Amino acid sequence: MNEHPADEVPHGPFPGIVPVLEDGRVRLRAMTGADLPFVVETCQDPESARWTTVPRPYDLADAEEFLQAHADGWAEPRGRRHWAIEVRPDDEGGGLPFVGVVDLRPGARAAPDGSVGPAIHWERLA
């Protein structure tokens, strides 16, 4: 648990304000409209939906609202900050353009939260 919540977090126009964070294999970036079909697929996956509060059924209009919530969060000083999770290709190929989201809640006393969809297999990241 984070005992020192971040109250001052950069905010501004989406997507330009979103920093790209990467370690060479995993990349966190702003979500785009190209990610929305993957968001729909993830939210329609029974195992993924089981752990979330997404509407059922979940369609493209819901994903568009989710993307707008991302933009709204980055515009507010204490709004939620979302990143899309991307797996970059490695020497063996692969790579996945969108595997889920992670968010940061400024001022919250909890660790970042996130979810991944059916396209990812964690052992591939090891």
Protein backbone atom coordinates (compact mmCIF):
# COMPACT_ATOMS: atom_id res chain seq x y z
CA MET A 1 0.00 0.00 0.00
CA ASN A 2 1.23 3.48 -0.84
CA GLU A 3 1.61 5.47 2.37
CA HIS A 4 2.54 8.63 0.45
CA PRO A 5 -0.13 9.34 -2.14
CA ALA A 6 0.81 11.58 -5.07
CA ASP A 7 -1.31 14.71 -4.90
CA GLU A 8 0.57 16.64 -7.58
CA VAL A 9 0.43 14.79 -10.88
CA PRO A 10 0.85 16.44 -14.30
CA HIS A 11 -2.42 17.06 -16.09
CA GLY A 12 -3.38 18.55 -19.42
CA PRO A 13 -4.70 17.82 -22.91
CA PHE A 14 -4.94 14.15 -23.86
CA PRO A 15 -3.08 12.38 -25.44
CA GLY A 16 -0.09 14.76 -25.47
CA ILE A 17 0.20 14.86 -21.67
CA VAL A 18 0.51 11.07 -21.35
CA PRO A 19 4.13 10.04 -20.82
CA VAL A 20 5.30 6.90 -22.60
CA LEU A 21 6.87 4.51 -20.09
CA GLU A 22 8.77 1.47 -21.27
CA ASP A 23 11.38 -1.04 -20.26
CA GLY A 24 12.13 -2.41 -23.72
CA ARG A 25 9.53 -5.20 -23.60
CA VAL A 26 6.45 -3.60 -22.06
CA ARG A 27 5.31 -0.14 -23.06
CA LEU A 28 2.70 2.05 -21.34
CA ARG A 29 1.21 4.69 -23.63
CA ALA A 30 -1.92 6.72 -24.28
CA MET A 31 -4.88 4.71 -25.47
CA THR A 32 -6.06 5.52 -29.01
CA GLY A 33 -9.09 4.81 -31.13
CA ALA A 34 -7.17 1.93 -32.73
CA ASP A 35 -7.24 0.16 -29.33
CA LEU A 36 -11.03 0.18 -29.03
CA PRO A 37 -11.71 -3.16 -30.80
CA PHE A 38 -9.25 -4.77 -28.35
CA VAL A 39 -11.01 -3.09 -25.42
CA VAL A 40 -14.33 -4.53 -26.64
CA GLU A 41 -12.79 -7.98 -27.05
CA THR A 42 -11.30 -7.85 -23.54
CA CYS A 43 -14.55 -6.69 -21.97
CA GLN A 44 -16.50 -9.43 -23.75
CA ASP A 45 -14.11 -12.11 -22.48
CA PRO A 46 -15.95 -13.90 -19.63
CA GLU A 47 -12.82 -14.31 -17.48
CA SER A 48 -11.82 -10.66 -17.86
CA ALA A 49 -15.35 -9.40 -17.28
CA ARG A 50 -15.64 -11.54 -14.16
CA TRP A 51 -13.08 -9.32 -12.39
CA THR A 52 -14.42 -5.94 -13.48
CA THR A 53 -17.56 -3.86 -13.37
CA VAL A 54 -17.84 -3.27 -17.12
CA PRO A 55 -21.34 -3.16 -18.60
CA ARG A 56 -22.63 -6.38 -20.13
CA PRO A 57 -22.99 -6.53 -23.02
CA TYR A 58 -20.03 -4.25 -23.84
CA ASP A 59 -19.82 -2.67 -27.28
CA LEU A 60 -17.88 -0.08 -29.25
CA ALA A 61 -19.94 2.81 -27.80
CA ASP A 62 -18.90 1.68 -24.30
CA ALA A 63 -15.26 1.58 -25.39
CA GLU A 64 -15.56 5.08 -26.85
CA GLU A 65 -16.89 6.31 -23.48
CA PHE A 66 -13.96 4.59 -21.77
CA LEU A 67 -11.52 6.41 -24.06
CA GLN A 68 -13.24 9.72 -23.26
CA ALA A 69 -12.91 8.92 -19.55
CA HIS A 70 -9.16 8.53 -20.15
CA ALA A 71 -9.01 11.99 -21.72
CA ASP A 72 -11.12 13.51 -18.93
CA GLY A 73 -8.94 11.95 -16.23
CA TRP A 74 -5.74 13.39 -17.66
CA ALA A 75 -7.34 16.85 -17.85
CA GLU A 76 -8.19 16.96 -14.12
CA PRO A 77 -5.52 17.65 -11.47
CA ARG A 78 -6.59 14.62 -9.41
CA GLY A 79 -8.22 12.60 -12.19
CA ARG A 80 -7.44 8.97 -12.92
CA ARG A 81 -4.44 8.44 -15.17
CA HIS A 82 -4.80 5.49 -17.58
CA TRP A 83 -2.16 3.93 -19.79
CA ALA A 84 -2.63 1.32 -22.49
CA ILE A 85 -0.32 -1.68 -22.04
CA GLU A 86 1.54 -2.84 -25.13
CA VAL A 87 3.97 -5.75 -25.45
CA ARG A 88 6.83 -4.88 -27.78
CA PRO A 89 8.31 -7.45 -30.19
CA ASP A 90 11.49 -9.19 -29.09
CA ASP A 91 14.15 -11.31 -30.86
CA GLU A 92 11.63 -14.12 -31.20
CA GLY A 93 9.04 -11.84 -32.79
CA GLY A 94 5.68 -11.47 -31.18
CA GLY A 95 4.49 -8.30 -29.68
CA LEU A 96 0.92 -7.32 -28.97
CA PRO A 97 -0.35 -3.80 -29.73
CA PHE A 98 -2.81 -3.75 -26.81
CA VAL A 99 -3.11 -6.15 -23.89
CA GLY A 100 -4.91 -4.07 -21.28
CA VAL A 101 -4.83 -0.94 -19.16
CA VAL A 102 -3.28 0.23 -15.94
CA ASP A 103 -4.34 3.28 -13.99
CA LEU A 104 -2.99 5.58 -11.32
CA ARG A 105 -5.32 7.39 -8.94
CA PRO A 106 -3.68 10.57 -7.61
CA GLY A 107 -4.32 11.02 -3.92
CA ALA A 108 -5.38 7.39 -3.44
CA ARG A 109 -3.72 5.21 -0.83
CA ALA A 110 -3.57 2.13 -3.00
CA ALA A 111 -1.30 0.61 -5.59
CA PRO A 112 -2.00 1.21 -9.29
CA ASP A 113 -4.77 -0.93 -10.69
CA GLY A 114 -4.94 -2.64 -14.04
CA SER A 115 -6.35 -5.39 -16.18
CA VAL A 116 -5.17 -7.48 -19.10
CA GLY A 117 -7.19 -9.17 -21.77
CA PRO A 118 -7.34 -12.63 -23.29
CA ALA A 119 -4.56 -11.90 -25.81
CA ILE A 120 -1.76 -11.99 -23.25
CA HIS A 121 -0.01 -14.93 -21.68
CA TRP A 122 2.20 -13.79 -18.80
CA GLU A 123 4.82 -16.48 -19.42
CA ARG A 124 5.64 -14.75 -22.72
CA LEU A 125 6.87 -11.73 -20.76
CA ALA A 126 9.29 -13.65 -18.56
